[in-house]
Amino acid sequence: MAVQEPHALAKTTRINALFDFYEPLLTEKQRTFLKYYFLDDYSLGEIASESGISRQAVYEHIKRAQNALEEYESKLKLLERHERVSRTAGELAEVIHTLSLQDQDKQLLKSAIDRLMQME
């Protein structure tokens, strides 16, 4: 597996997160190519060989799929909302830790945060 640059790693992480939210909205081909490229770490050449098309065609399919994911996010903002809720839950957990409460009460509050995160 090739070592990725920090920017490339951040991009891969973002695409994987967007894929988690919007996978059902993609075409079967888009899902397959994104899985091969971002999750299974296949090269463009490996995907092309597997699919019987050119590397350029694979690149174009992946690029269109990435653009579709970003377009869905720009309209629906599910990832942005998830990240905001996760940050807030983390902040609440830190505050709970600092409060002078009995362990049982702290656990109840943490449990409530966990339930909220599961609803998300």
Protein backbone atom coordinates (compact mmCIF):
# COMPACT_ATOMS: atom_id res chain seq x y z
CA MET A 1 0.00 0.00 0.00
CA ALA A 2 1.40 3.37 -1.02
CA VAL A 3 1.94 6.08 1.59
CA GLN A 4 -0.51 8.89 1.02
CA GLU A 5 0.21 12.59 1.37
CA PRO A 6 -1.68 14.30 4.23
CA HIS A 7 -3.93 16.13 1.73
CA ALA A 8 -4.68 12.89 -0.12
CA LEU A 9 -5.44 11.13 3.16
CA ALA A 10 -7.84 13.91 4.18
CA LYS A 11 -9.54 13.68 0.79
CA THR A 12 -9.85 9.90 1.10
CA THR A 13 -11.27 10.24 4.61
CA ARG A 14 -13.82 12.80 3.40
CA ILE A 15 -14.89 10.68 0.42
CA ASN A 16 -15.29 7.64 2.68
CA ALA A 17 -17.42 9.66 5.11
CA LEU A 18 -19.57 11.07 2.30
CA PHE A 19 -19.88 7.56 0.87
CA ASP A 20 -21.22 6.33 4.22
CA PHE A 21 -24.04 8.88 4.05
CA TYR A 22 -24.85 8.98 0.35
CA GLU A 23 -23.96 5.51 -1.01
CA PRO A 24 -27.60 4.61 -1.77
CA LEU A 25 -27.92 7.68 -4.01
CA LEU A 26 -25.06 6.61 -6.30
CA THR A 27 -25.34 4.35 -9.31
CA GLU A 28 -24.12 0.77 -9.00
CA LYS A 29 -21.06 1.58 -11.12
CA GLN A 30 -20.21 4.64 -9.02
CA ARG A 31 -20.51 2.60 -5.81
CA THR A 32 -18.35 -0.18 -7.22
CA PHE A 33 -15.58 2.10 -8.49
CA LEU A 34 -15.49 4.18 -5.30
CA LYS A 35 -15.32 1.03 -3.17
CA TYR A 36 -12.49 -0.38 -5.27
CA TYR A 37 -10.53 2.88 -5.30
CA PHE A 38 -11.09 4.33 -1.82
CA LEU A 39 -11.96 1.36 0.37
CA ASP A 40 -10.04 -1.50 -1.26
CA ASP A 41 -7.12 0.70 -2.42
CA TYR A 42 -7.15 -0.60 -6.01
CA SER A 43 -5.20 1.40 -8.58
CA LEU A 44 -6.92 2.87 -11.65
CA GLY A 45 -5.17 0.20 -13.72
CA GLU A 46 -6.45 -2.61 -11.51
CA ILE A 47 -10.00 -1.30 -11.68
CA ALA A 48 -9.72 -0.86 -15.45
CA SER A 49 -8.48 -4.41 -15.87
CA GLU A 50 -11.26 -5.75 -13.63
CA SER A 51 -13.92 -3.73 -15.46
CA GLY A 52 -12.67 -4.10 -19.03
CA ILE A 53 -12.45 -0.35 -19.64
CA SER A 54 -9.61 2.16 -19.92
CA ARG A 55 -7.86 3.79 -16.96
CA GLN A 56 -9.13 7.15 -18.21
CA ALA A 57 -12.73 5.88 -18.18
CA VAL A 58 -12.26 4.62 -14.61
CA TYR A 59 -10.81 7.98 -13.60
CA GLU A 60 -13.80 9.79 -15.14
CA HIS A 61 -16.30 7.50 -13.36
CA ILE A 62 -14.55 8.06 -10.02
CA LYS A 63 -14.37 11.81 -10.57
CA ARG A 64 -18.09 12.00 -11.43
CA ALA A 65 -18.94 9.91 -8.37
CA GLN A 66 -16.86 12.20 -6.12
CA ASN A 67 -18.59 15.23 -7.61
CA ALA A 68 -21.99 13.60 -7.00
CA LEU A 69 -21.08 12.97 -3.34
CA GLU A 70 -19.98 16.59 -2.90
CA GLU A 71 -23.15 17.82 -4.62
CA TYR A 72 -25.34 15.73 -2.29
CA GLU A 73 -23.46 17.09 0.71
CA SER A 74 -23.77 20.70 -0.51
CA LYS A 75 -27.55 20.25 -0.61
CA LEU A 76 -28.27 17.89 2.29
CA LYS A 77 -25.36 18.62 4.65
CA LEU A 78 -25.63 15.27 6.45
CA LEU A 79 -21.87 14.94 7.04
CA GLU A 80 -21.61 18.53 8.26
CA ARG A 81 -24.48 17.95 10.69
CA HIS A 82 -22.98 14.67 11.91
CA GLU A 83 -19.61 16.33 12.56
CA ARG A 84 -21.27 19.22 14.42
CA VAL A 85 -23.33 16.86 16.61
CA SER A 86 -20.25 14.70 17.31
CA ARG A 87 -18.20 17.75 18.36
CA THR A 88 -20.99 18.95 20.65
CA ALA A 89 -21.39 15.50 22.20
CA GLY A 90 -17.64 15.41 22.87
CA GLU A 91 -17.79 18.82 24.50
CA LEU A 92 -20.70 17.72 26.68
CA ALA A 93 -18.82 14.59 27.73
CA GLU A 94 -15.84 16.73 28.76
CA VAL A 95 -18.07 19.05 30.81
CA ILE A 96 -19.76 16.08 32.49
CA HIS A 97 -16.33 14.71 33.43
CA THR A 98 -15.48 17.97 35.24
CA LEU A 99 -18.76 18.25 37.14
CA SER A 100 -18.95 17.35 40.81
CA LEU A 101 -21.56 14.66 40.38
CA GLN A 102 -21.84 11.15 41.64
CA ASP A 103 -20.57 8.54 39.21
CA GLN A 104 -24.11 7.24 38.75
CA ASP A 105 -25.34 10.69 37.65
CA LYS A 106 -22.38 11.14 35.30
CA GLN A 107 -23.13 7.75 33.77
CA LEU A 108 -26.77 8.73 33.23
CA LEU A 109 -25.72 11.89 31.42
CA LYS A 110 -23.17 10.02 29.27
CA SER A 111 -25.81 7.43 28.45
CA ALA A 112 -28.15 10.20 27.30
CA ILE A 113 -25.41 11.57 25.01
CA ASP A 114 -24.84 8.08 23.58
CA ARG A 115 -28.57 7.75 22.83
CA LEU A 116 -28.57 11.12 21.09
CA MET A 117 -25.59 10.07 18.96
CA GLN A 118 -27.39 6.88 17.96
CA MET A 119 -30.43 8.90 16.88
CA GLU A 120 -28.15 10.93 14.62
